[in-house]
Amino acid sequence: MLLIDNFLDRETAERLRKKILDTPFLAGGATATGRAAKVKNNLQMDRERGRKILDDVALRLMTHEQVELYAIPKRIAAMSVNRYDAGMEYGSHTDAPIMNDCRCDLSFTLFLEDHVNYEGGELVLEQEHGLLKVKPAIGSLFLYSTGLIHRVTPVASGSRLACIGWIQSRVRDEQQRTILRELNIAHRAYVERHGHDELVDMLLKNSANLMRMWCD
């Protein structure tokens, strides 16, 4: 899991929020399938009317250095913007493994309402060691494994607004992504301390070979 506190600065996030709120919203349950359709109670931005908004967010996501390092993204499988008004929630569910013929490896939530402006509405993830509750400031991006059971708790007051989506990584295995990420971090740290030498060449060669072995 990864939380990027300032994926969007406040001014940019506020401008994006205004554009989204000027776009029509529809009942969110219509886009869910299986169990998710039974527990989903929110509003969803009209994707066709909001296509440019989603495309702009996707471009920022795919070119963000921390996202590239963590997710090794190949493509975004799907995106939407959800709004939860008072009384709305999304019960426990697991996201679909395939969307638009893309494997979904990572899910993300871009928070577009200041957390002090609404009560409830936490993103809650079920982990082996307990529950993780996420409710960061506006402009924050949170990435997590698509396979986790999660929910959005009921909003007691105010409105929760977020852009959500699913990423297909070039490397499907989470442990392999971790190895590649840590090798990348080690490479950068070594070069910063010692400069570029034959050990760096060896590290880069093996990192590249692992990517060739594992990517799809």
Protein backbone atom coordinates (compact mmCIF):
# COMPACT_ATOMS: atom_id res chain seq x y z
CA MET A 1 0.00 0.00 0.00
CA LEU A 2 1.11 3.54 -0.71
CA LEU A 3 -0.25 6.92 0.38
CA ILE A 4 0.94 9.96 -1.60
CA ASP A 5 -0.10 12.97 0.47
CA ASN A 6 0.29 15.66 -2.19
CA PHE A 7 -0.46 13.85 -5.42
CA LEU A 8 -2.42 17.01 -6.26
CA ASP A 9 -1.74 20.28 -4.49
CA ARG A 10 -4.77 21.85 -2.80
CA GLU A 11 -5.37 24.46 -5.52
CA THR A 12 -5.30 21.86 -8.31
CA ALA A 13 -7.52 19.48 -6.32
CA GLU A 14 -10.05 22.24 -5.66
CA ARG A 15 -10.21 23.14 -9.37
CA LEU A 16 -10.72 19.49 -10.26
CA ARG A 17 -13.39 19.15 -7.59
CA LYS A 18 -15.31 22.12 -9.04
CA LYS A 19 -15.22 20.66 -12.57
CA ILE A 20 -16.49 17.33 -11.25
CA LEU A 21 -19.35 18.88 -9.29
CA ASP A 22 -20.43 20.72 -12.45
CA THR A 23 -20.81 17.32 -14.19
CA PRO A 24 -23.99 15.20 -13.85
CA PHE A 25 -24.03 12.26 -11.42
CA LEU A 26 -25.96 8.99 -11.77
CA ALA A 27 -26.88 6.18 -9.38
CA GLY A 28 -23.67 4.25 -8.69
CA GLY A 29 -25.22 0.82 -8.20
CA ALA A 30 -25.88 0.42 -11.93
CA THR A 31 -22.17 -0.13 -12.65
CA ALA A 32 -21.54 -2.75 -9.95
CA THR A 33 -21.82 -6.52 -10.43
CA GLY A 34 -22.27 -9.53 -8.15
CA ARG A 35 -22.23 -8.85 -4.42
CA ALA A 36 -20.93 -5.32 -4.96
CA ALA A 37 -24.22 -4.34 -6.62
CA LYS A 38 -26.08 -5.27 -3.43
CA VAL A 39 -23.92 -3.20 -1.08
CA LYS A 40 -23.13 -0.15 -3.24
CA ASN A 41 -25.05 3.01 -2.37
CA ASN A 42 -23.46 6.11 -3.88
CA LEU A 43 -23.54 8.46 -6.85
CA GLN A 44 -21.22 8.22 -9.82
CA MET A 45 -20.15 10.91 -12.26
CA ASP A 46 -21.47 10.41 -15.78
CA ARG A 47 -18.36 8.90 -17.41
CA GLU A 48 -19.14 10.12 -20.91
CA ARG A 49 -19.80 13.69 -19.79
CA GLY A 50 -16.72 13.59 -17.56
CA ARG A 51 -14.37 11.80 -19.96
CA LYS A 52 -11.85 14.66 -20.21
CA ILE A 53 -11.67 14.89 -16.42
CA LEU A 54 -10.88 11.18 -16.15
CA ASP A 55 -8.32 11.38 -18.97
CA ASP A 56 -6.51 14.25 -17.24
CA VAL A 57 -6.30 12.33 -13.96
CA ALA A 58 -5.12 9.20 -15.80
CA LEU A 59 -2.28 11.12 -17.46
CA ARG A 60 -1.12 12.53 -14.12
CA LEU A 61 -1.28 9.07 -12.58
CA MET A 62 0.65 7.24 -15.31
CA THR A 63 3.46 9.83 -15.32
CA HIS A 64 3.84 10.31 -11.55
CA GLU A 65 7.26 9.16 -10.36
CA GLN A 66 6.08 7.50 -7.14
CA VAL A 67 3.22 5.71 -8.91
CA GLU A 68 5.60 4.45 -11.60
CA LEU A 69 8.03 3.17 -8.97
CA TYR A 70 5.37 1.48 -6.84
CA ALA A 71 2.91 0.13 -9.41
CA ILE A 72 5.00 -0.28 -12.61
CA PRO A 73 1.76 0.56 -14.46
CA LYS A 74 0.95 -0.82 -17.88
CA ARG A 75 -2.53 0.64 -18.28
CA ILE A 76 -5.51 1.87 -16.32
CA ALA A 77 -8.31 -0.67 -16.58
CA ALA A 78 -11.14 1.66 -15.53
CA MET A 79 -11.86 4.87 -13.64
CA SER A 80 -14.83 6.66 -12.12
CA VAL A 81 -15.69 9.45 -9.70
CA ASN A 82 -17.92 8.57 -6.76
CA ARG A 83 -19.83 10.85 -4.40
CA TYR A 84 -21.27 9.80 -1.07
CA ASP A 85 -23.85 12.11 0.47
CA ALA A 86 -25.19 11.72 4.01
CA GLY A 87 -26.48 8.18 4.60
CA MET A 88 -24.58 6.63 1.69
CA GLU A 89 -21.98 3.86 1.98
CA TYR A 90 -20.36 0.99 0.11
CA GLY A 91 -20.43 -2.28 2.03
CA SER A 92 -17.66 -4.88 2.19
CA HIS A 93 -16.66 -6.20 -1.23
CA THR A 94 -13.74 -7.20 -3.42
CA ASP A 95 -13.20 -5.43 -6.74
CA ALA A 96 -13.52 -7.35 -9.99
CA PRO A 97 -10.30 -9.05 -11.17
CA ILE A 98 -10.89 -8.11 -14.83
CA MET A 99 -12.25 -4.84 -16.20
CA ASN A 100 -12.39 -3.91 -19.89
CA ASP A 101 -10.28 -6.99 -20.70
CA CYS A 102 -7.54 -5.77 -18.33
CA ARG A 103 -6.28 -7.58 -15.24
CA CYS A 104 -6.72 -5.40 -12.15
CA ASP A 105 -3.65 -5.60 -9.90
CA LEU A 106 -3.91 -2.34 -7.95
CA SER A 107 -6.79 -0.11 -6.92
CA PHE A 108 -6.47 3.59 -6.20
CA THR A 109 -8.49 6.34 -4.55
CA LEU A 110 -7.81 10.02 -5.18
CA PHE A 111 -9.49 11.99 -2.39
CA LEU A 112 -11.19 15.16 -3.67
CA GLU A 113 -13.00 16.46 -0.60
CA ASP A 114 -11.25 17.81 2.47
CA HIS A 115 -11.57 15.23 5.23
CA VAL A 116 -12.76 17.85 7.74
CA ASN A 117 -15.82 18.61 5.57
CA TYR A 118 -17.55 15.25 6.08
CA GLU A 119 -18.12 12.78 8.91
CA GLY A 120 -17.65 9.07 8.30
CA GLY A 121 -16.78 7.93 4.80
CA GLU A 122 -13.54 6.19 5.75
CA LEU A 123 -12.03 3.71 3.31
CA VAL A 124 -11.56 0.56 5.43
CA LEU A 125 -9.35 -2.32 4.27
CA GLU A 126 -9.29 -5.77 5.82
CA GLN A 127 -5.73 -7.02 6.36
CA GLU A 128 -4.32 -10.10 8.06
CA HIS A 129 -3.28 -8.06 11.10
CA GLY A 130 -6.48 -6.01 11.35
CA LEU A 131 -8.39 -3.15 9.78
CA LEU A 132 -6.80 -0.12 8.15
CA LYS A 133 -8.86 3.08 7.99
CA VAL A 134 -7.91 5.70 5.39
CA LYS A 135 -9.26 9.26 5.32
CA PRO A 136 -6.51 11.65 4.22
CA ALA A 137 -6.53 15.28 3.11
CA ILE A 138 -7.81 16.49 -0.25
CA GLY A 139 -5.41 15.74 -3.12
CA SER A 140 -4.06 12.55 -1.51
CA LEU A 141 -3.74 9.35 -3.55
CA PHE A 142 -3.95 5.90 -1.95
CA LEU A 143 -2.95 2.71 -3.80
CA TYR A 144 -3.61 -0.83 -2.56
CA SER A 145 -3.94 -4.41 -3.78
CA THR A 146 -7.17 -5.00 -5.68
CA GLY A 147 -7.58 -8.37 -3.96
CA LEU A 148 -8.27 -6.86 -0.52
CA ILE A 149 -11.78 -6.80 0.96
CA HIS A 150 -12.69 -3.18 1.63
CA ARG A 151 -15.60 -0.83 2.23
CA VAL A 152 -16.55 2.83 2.58
CA THR A 153 -18.24 3.53 5.91
CA PRO A 154 -21.54 5.47 6.02
CA VAL A 155 -21.26 9.23 5.60
CA ALA A 156 -22.94 10.89 8.59
CA SER A 157 -22.81 14.46 7.26
CA GLY A 158 -21.32 16.38 4.36
CA SER A 159 -20.23 14.68 1.13
CA ARG A 160 -17.29 12.44 0.28
CA LEU A 161 -15.88 12.86 -3.25
CA ALA A 162 -13.18 10.66 -4.77
CA CYS A 163 -11.81 9.47 -8.09
CA ILE A 164 -11.21 5.72 -8.08
CA GLY A 165 -9.62 3.35 -10.55
CA TRP A 166 -7.79 0.13 -11.24
CA ILE A 167 -4.30 -0.42 -12.64
CA GLN A 168 -2.87 -3.32 -14.58
CA SER A 169 0.80 -3.55 -13.70
CA ARG A 170 3.49 -4.74 -16.06
CA VAL A 171 4.43 -7.17 -13.26
CA ARG A 172 1.45 -9.07 -11.86
CA ASP A 173 3.14 -10.51 -8.75
CA GLU A 174 3.25 -8.12 -5.77
CA GLN A 175 6.45 -9.61 -4.32
CA GLN A 176 8.21 -9.25 -7.66
CA ARG A 177 7.12 -5.60 -7.86
CA THR A 178 8.54 -5.08 -4.37
CA ILE A 179 11.90 -6.58 -5.40
CA LEU A 180 12.11 -4.35 -8.48
CA ARG A 181 11.10 -1.28 -6.47
CA GLU A 182 13.70 -1.90 -3.77
CA LEU A 183 16.42 -2.54 -6.36
CA ASN A 184 15.51 0.79 -7.96
CA ILE A 185 15.69 2.56 -4.59
CA ALA A 186 19.04 0.89 -3.80
CA HIS A 187 20.41 1.95 -7.19
CA ARG A 188 19.46 5.58 -6.64
CA ALA A 189 20.86 5.64 -3.11
CA TYR A 190 24.16 4.04 -4.16
CA VAL A 191 24.69 6.46 -7.06
CA GLU A 192 23.92 9.42 -4.81
CA ARG A 193 26.58 8.30 -2.31
CA HIS A 194 29.25 6.77 -4.54
CA GLY A 195 28.57 7.81 -8.12
CA HIS A 196 28.23 5.50 -11.10
CA ASP A 197 30.64 2.55 -11.22
CA GLU A 198 30.80 -1.09 -12.37
CA LEU A 199 28.61 -2.22 -9.45
CA VAL A 200 25.85 0.09 -10.66
CA ASP A 201 26.14 -1.42 -14.14
CA MET A 202 25.76 -4.89 -12.63
CA LEU A 203 22.75 -3.81 -10.59
CA LEU A 204 21.06 -2.20 -13.59
CA LYS A 205 21.74 -5.24 -15.76
CA ASN A 206 20.14 -7.63 -13.28
CA SER A 207 17.20 -5.31 -12.60
CA ALA A 208 16.53 -5.13 -16.34
CA ASN A 209 16.82 -8.91 -16.69
CA LEU A 210 14.36 -9.45 -13.84
CA MET A 211 11.92 -7.07 -15.51
CA ARG A 212 12.21 -9.05 -18.74
CA MET A 213 11.56 -12.28 -16.84
CA TRP A 214 8.56 -11.01 -14.91
CA CYS A 215 6.78 -8.46 -17.07
CA ASP A 216 3.82 -9.25 -19.31
